[in-house]
N, C-alpha and C. Protein backbone atom coordinates (compact mmCIF):
# COMPACT_ATOMS: atom_id res chain seq x y z
N UNK A 1 50.66 22.17 22.86
CA UNK A 1 49.33 22.25 22.31
C UNK A 1 48.65 20.87 22.34
N UNK A 2 49.44 19.84 22.13
CA UNK A 2 48.87 18.50 22.15
C UNK A 2 48.35 18.16 23.53
N UNK A 3 49.10 18.49 24.54
CA UNK A 3 48.69 18.20 25.92
C UNK A 3 47.44 19.01 26.26
N UNK A 4 47.36 20.25 25.83
CA UNK A 4 46.18 21.08 26.12
C UNK A 4 44.96 20.52 25.42
N UNK A 5 45.10 20.04 24.19
CA UNK A 5 43.97 19.46 23.46
C UNK A 5 43.47 18.19 24.11
N UNK A 6 44.41 17.33 24.53
CA UNK A 6 44.01 16.08 25.20
C UNK A 6 43.34 16.37 26.55
N UNK A 7 43.83 17.38 27.26
CA UNK A 7 43.23 17.74 28.55
C UNK A 7 41.81 18.27 28.34
N UNK A 8 41.65 19.14 27.36
CA UNK A 8 40.32 19.68 27.06
C UNK A 8 39.36 18.56 26.63
N UNK A 9 39.84 17.60 25.84
CA UNK A 9 39.02 16.47 25.42
C UNK A 9 38.63 15.63 26.63
N UNK A 10 39.55 15.40 27.53
CA UNK A 10 39.27 14.62 28.75
C UNK A 10 38.22 15.28 29.60
N UNK A 11 38.33 16.61 29.80
CA UNK A 11 37.33 17.33 30.59
C UNK A 11 35.95 17.27 29.92
N UNK A 12 35.94 17.37 28.61
CA UNK A 12 34.66 17.31 27.88
C UNK A 12 34.00 15.95 28.04
N UNK A 13 34.79 14.88 27.92
CA UNK A 13 34.23 13.53 28.06
C UNK A 13 33.71 13.29 29.47
N UNK A 14 34.41 13.80 30.47
CA UNK A 14 33.96 13.63 31.85
C UNK A 14 32.66 14.39 32.07
N UNK A 15 32.54 15.60 31.53
CA UNK A 15 31.32 16.39 31.74
C UNK A 15 30.13 15.77 30.99
N UNK A 16 30.38 15.18 29.84
CA UNK A 16 29.30 14.52 29.10
C UNK A 16 28.87 13.26 29.82
N UNK A 17 29.79 12.53 30.40
CA UNK A 17 29.46 11.28 31.09
C UNK A 17 28.66 11.54 32.36
N UNK A 18 28.85 12.70 32.99
CA UNK A 18 28.16 12.98 34.24
C UNK A 18 26.72 13.48 34.03
N UNK A 19 26.41 14.05 32.89
CA UNK A 19 25.06 14.59 32.66
C UNK A 19 24.10 13.47 32.33
N UNK A 20 22.85 13.64 32.76
CA UNK A 20 21.81 12.68 32.44
C UNK A 20 21.23 13.05 31.08
N UNK A 21 21.28 12.13 30.16
CA UNK A 21 20.77 12.37 28.82
C UNK A 21 19.31 11.97 28.78
N UNK A 22 18.45 12.92 28.37
CA UNK A 22 17.04 12.64 28.23
C UNK A 22 16.66 12.85 26.77
N UNK A 23 16.08 11.83 26.17
CA UNK A 23 15.69 11.91 24.77
C UNK A 23 14.18 12.06 24.66
N UNK A 24 13.74 12.87 23.73
CA UNK A 24 12.32 13.05 23.49
C UNK A 24 11.87 12.01 22.47
N UNK A 25 10.69 11.47 22.67
CA UNK A 25 10.14 10.49 21.74
C UNK A 25 9.05 11.17 20.91
N UNK A 26 9.20 11.13 19.59
CA UNK A 26 8.30 11.85 18.70
C UNK A 26 6.92 11.22 18.64
N UNK A 27 6.83 9.92 18.64
CA UNK A 27 5.54 9.24 18.55
C UNK A 27 5.36 8.34 19.77
N UNK A 28 4.12 8.10 20.15
CA UNK A 28 3.91 7.20 21.28
C UNK A 28 4.33 5.78 20.90
N UNK A 29 4.67 4.96 21.87
CA UNK A 29 5.07 3.60 21.55
C UNK A 29 3.94 2.82 20.89
N UNK A 30 4.31 1.90 20.03
CA UNK A 30 3.31 1.11 19.31
C UNK A 30 2.62 0.14 20.24
N UNK A 31 1.33 -0.04 20.03
CA UNK A 31 0.57 -0.98 20.82
C UNK A 31 0.06 -2.08 19.90
N UNK A 32 -0.01 -3.27 20.41
CA UNK A 32 -0.51 -4.39 19.62
C UNK A 32 -1.99 -4.24 19.31
N UNK A 33 -2.43 -4.81 18.21
CA UNK A 33 -3.85 -4.75 17.86
C UNK A 33 -4.63 -5.69 18.77
N UNK A 34 -5.86 -5.34 19.07
CA UNK A 34 -6.66 -6.20 19.93
C UNK A 34 -6.97 -7.53 19.24
N UNK A 35 -7.16 -8.54 20.02
CA UNK A 35 -7.46 -9.87 19.47
C UNK A 35 -8.81 -9.84 18.77
N UNK A 36 -8.89 -10.51 17.63
CA UNK A 36 -10.14 -10.54 16.87
C UNK A 36 -11.17 -11.40 17.60
N UNK A 37 -12.40 -10.94 17.56
CA UNK A 37 -13.47 -11.68 18.20
C UNK A 37 -13.83 -12.91 17.36
N UNK A 38 -14.44 -13.89 17.97
CA UNK A 38 -14.78 -15.13 17.25
C UNK A 38 -15.84 -14.86 16.17
N UNK A 39 -16.65 -13.83 16.34
CA UNK A 39 -17.72 -13.56 15.37
C UNK A 39 -17.19 -12.82 14.13
N UNK A 40 -15.93 -12.41 14.14
CA UNK A 40 -15.36 -11.67 13.02
C UNK A 40 -14.78 -12.59 11.95
N UNK A 41 -15.05 -13.88 12.02
CA UNK A 41 -14.52 -14.82 11.03
C UNK A 41 -15.24 -14.61 9.70
N UNK A 42 -14.52 -14.82 8.58
CA UNK A 42 -15.20 -14.74 7.28
C UNK A 42 -16.17 -15.92 7.11
N UNK A 43 -17.14 -15.74 6.26
CA UNK A 43 -18.11 -16.80 6.02
C UNK A 43 -17.41 -17.99 5.36
N UNK A 44 -17.90 -19.18 5.65
CA UNK A 44 -17.31 -20.38 5.06
C UNK A 44 -17.66 -20.46 3.58
N UNK A 45 -16.68 -20.89 2.79
CA UNK A 45 -16.93 -21.00 1.35
C UNK A 45 -17.63 -22.31 1.05
N UNK A 46 -18.50 -22.26 0.06
CA UNK A 46 -19.22 -23.45 -0.35
C UNK A 46 -18.86 -23.75 -1.80
N UNK A 47 -18.52 -24.98 -2.10
CA UNK A 47 -18.14 -25.28 -3.48
C UNK A 47 -19.32 -25.12 -4.43
N UNK A 48 -19.04 -24.55 -5.60
CA UNK A 48 -20.07 -24.40 -6.61
C UNK A 48 -21.00 -23.23 -6.37
N UNK A 49 -20.75 -22.46 -5.32
CA UNK A 49 -21.62 -21.33 -5.02
C UNK A 49 -21.29 -20.14 -5.91
N UNK A 50 -22.22 -19.22 -5.97
CA UNK A 50 -21.98 -18.02 -6.75
C UNK A 50 -21.45 -16.94 -5.83
N UNK A 51 -20.73 -16.02 -6.42
CA UNK A 51 -20.14 -14.95 -5.65
C UNK A 51 -20.98 -13.70 -5.85
N UNK A 52 -21.65 -13.22 -4.81
CA UNK A 52 -22.52 -12.06 -4.99
C UNK A 52 -21.70 -10.79 -5.16
N UNK A 53 -22.12 -9.96 -6.08
CA UNK A 53 -21.49 -8.66 -6.26
C UNK A 53 -22.58 -7.61 -6.35
N UNK A 54 -22.34 -6.49 -5.72
CA UNK A 54 -23.30 -5.40 -5.76
C UNK A 54 -22.54 -4.14 -6.09
N UNK A 55 -22.79 -3.44 -7.11
CA UNK A 55 -23.65 -3.78 -8.25
C UNK A 55 -22.98 -4.81 -9.14
N UNK A 56 -23.75 -5.38 -10.02
CA UNK A 56 -23.22 -6.41 -10.91
C UNK A 56 -22.15 -5.82 -11.82
N UNK A 57 -21.05 -6.55 -12.07
CA UNK A 57 -20.00 -6.02 -12.92
C UNK A 57 -20.47 -5.89 -14.37
N UNK A 58 -19.97 -4.88 -15.03
CA UNK A 58 -20.31 -4.66 -16.43
C UNK A 58 -19.06 -4.84 -17.27
N UNK A 59 -19.20 -5.35 -18.49
CA UNK A 59 -18.02 -5.50 -19.34
C UNK A 59 -17.47 -4.14 -19.75
N UNK A 60 -16.16 -4.10 -20.03
CA UNK A 60 -15.54 -2.83 -20.43
C UNK A 60 -16.06 -2.39 -21.79
N UNK A 61 -16.31 -3.33 -22.68
CA UNK A 61 -16.85 -3.00 -24.00
C UNK A 61 -18.23 -3.62 -24.11
N UNK A 62 -19.28 -2.80 -24.24
CA UNK A 62 -20.63 -3.36 -24.34
C UNK A 62 -20.84 -4.09 -25.67
N UNK A 63 -21.80 -4.94 -25.69
CA UNK A 63 -22.12 -5.67 -26.92
C UNK A 63 -22.64 -4.71 -27.98
N UNK A 64 -22.70 -5.18 -29.22
CA UNK A 64 -23.15 -4.32 -30.32
C UNK A 64 -24.60 -3.90 -30.11
N UNK A 65 -25.43 -4.80 -29.57
CA UNK A 65 -26.82 -4.43 -29.32
C UNK A 65 -26.91 -3.34 -28.26
N UNK A 66 -26.08 -3.43 -27.22
CA UNK A 66 -26.09 -2.41 -26.18
C UNK A 66 -25.57 -1.09 -26.72
N UNK A 67 -24.58 -1.14 -27.63
CA UNK A 67 -24.07 0.08 -28.23
C UNK A 67 -25.14 0.77 -29.09
N UNK A 68 -25.97 -0.04 -29.77
CA UNK A 68 -27.04 0.54 -30.57
C UNK A 68 -28.06 1.24 -29.69
N UNK A 69 -28.24 0.73 -28.45
CA UNK A 69 -29.18 1.34 -27.51
C UNK A 69 -28.61 2.58 -26.84
N UNK A 70 -27.31 2.84 -27.02
CA UNK A 70 -26.71 4.06 -26.47
C UNK A 70 -25.71 3.81 -25.36
N UNK A 71 -25.37 2.58 -25.07
CA UNK A 71 -24.39 2.31 -24.03
C UNK A 71 -23.00 2.70 -24.51
N UNK A 72 -22.23 3.31 -23.64
CA UNK A 72 -20.87 3.72 -24.00
C UNK A 72 -19.88 2.76 -23.35
N UNK A 73 -18.71 2.63 -23.99
CA UNK A 73 -17.65 1.79 -23.44
C UNK A 73 -17.06 2.46 -22.20
N UNK A 74 -16.59 1.65 -21.25
CA UNK A 74 -16.00 2.19 -20.04
C UNK A 74 -14.71 2.93 -20.34
N UNK A 75 -13.94 2.43 -21.31
CA UNK A 75 -12.69 3.06 -21.71
C UNK A 75 -12.77 3.43 -23.18
N UNK A 76 -12.17 4.54 -23.58
CA UNK A 76 -12.16 4.87 -25.00
C UNK A 76 -11.27 3.90 -25.76
N UNK A 77 -11.52 3.77 -27.05
CA UNK A 77 -10.69 2.87 -27.85
C UNK A 77 -9.30 3.46 -27.98
N UNK A 78 -8.31 2.58 -28.10
CA UNK A 78 -6.92 3.02 -28.20
C UNK A 78 -6.67 3.62 -29.58
N UNK A 79 -5.83 4.65 -29.66
CA UNK A 79 -5.52 5.22 -30.96
C UNK A 79 -4.72 4.22 -31.79
N UNK A 80 -4.76 4.33 -33.13
CA UNK A 80 -4.09 3.35 -33.98
C UNK A 80 -2.60 3.22 -33.70
N UNK A 81 -1.92 4.30 -33.30
CA UNK A 81 -0.48 4.17 -33.08
C UNK A 81 -0.16 3.39 -31.82
N UNK A 82 -1.12 3.19 -30.95
CA UNK A 82 -0.91 2.40 -29.74
C UNK A 82 -1.26 0.93 -29.94
N UNK A 83 -1.87 0.59 -31.05
CA UNK A 83 -2.27 -0.79 -31.31
C UNK A 83 -1.08 -1.55 -31.87
N UNK A 84 -0.87 -2.74 -31.41
CA UNK A 84 0.22 -3.57 -31.89
C UNK A 84 -0.26 -4.45 -33.03
N UNK A 85 0.65 -4.86 -33.91
CA UNK A 85 0.24 -5.77 -34.98
C UNK A 85 -0.13 -7.13 -34.37
N UNK A 86 -0.93 -7.92 -35.06
CA UNK A 86 -1.32 -9.22 -34.50
C UNK A 86 -0.11 -10.13 -34.32
N UNK A 87 -0.19 -10.98 -33.34
CA UNK A 87 0.90 -11.93 -33.04
C UNK A 87 0.82 -13.07 -34.04
N UNK A 88 1.95 -13.39 -34.64
CA UNK A 88 1.97 -14.48 -35.63
C UNK A 88 2.06 -15.82 -34.92
N UNK A 89 1.32 -16.79 -35.40
CA UNK A 89 1.34 -18.13 -34.83
C UNK A 89 2.55 -18.88 -35.37
N UNK A 90 3.20 -19.63 -34.53
CA UNK A 90 4.38 -20.42 -34.97
C UNK A 90 3.95 -21.79 -35.43
């Protein structure tokens, strides 16, 4: 039985070695990104300049005057059980 098993294994290895193995590729090969054009550079930074934002950012909690006018906070206030006690100064 041992000789028959080794013979069968030998025939199997020879038949596998003779066949041409073709593998399918699931995705196309990756291509490099195109080189960036010279006009795609970011604008040069200037010291002391302002940073434009559109629309202007609003605070999460409006001032008391804005609240009197009807402005609502961006986030609701935290429930008391989620509030931590104040940190003690050393």
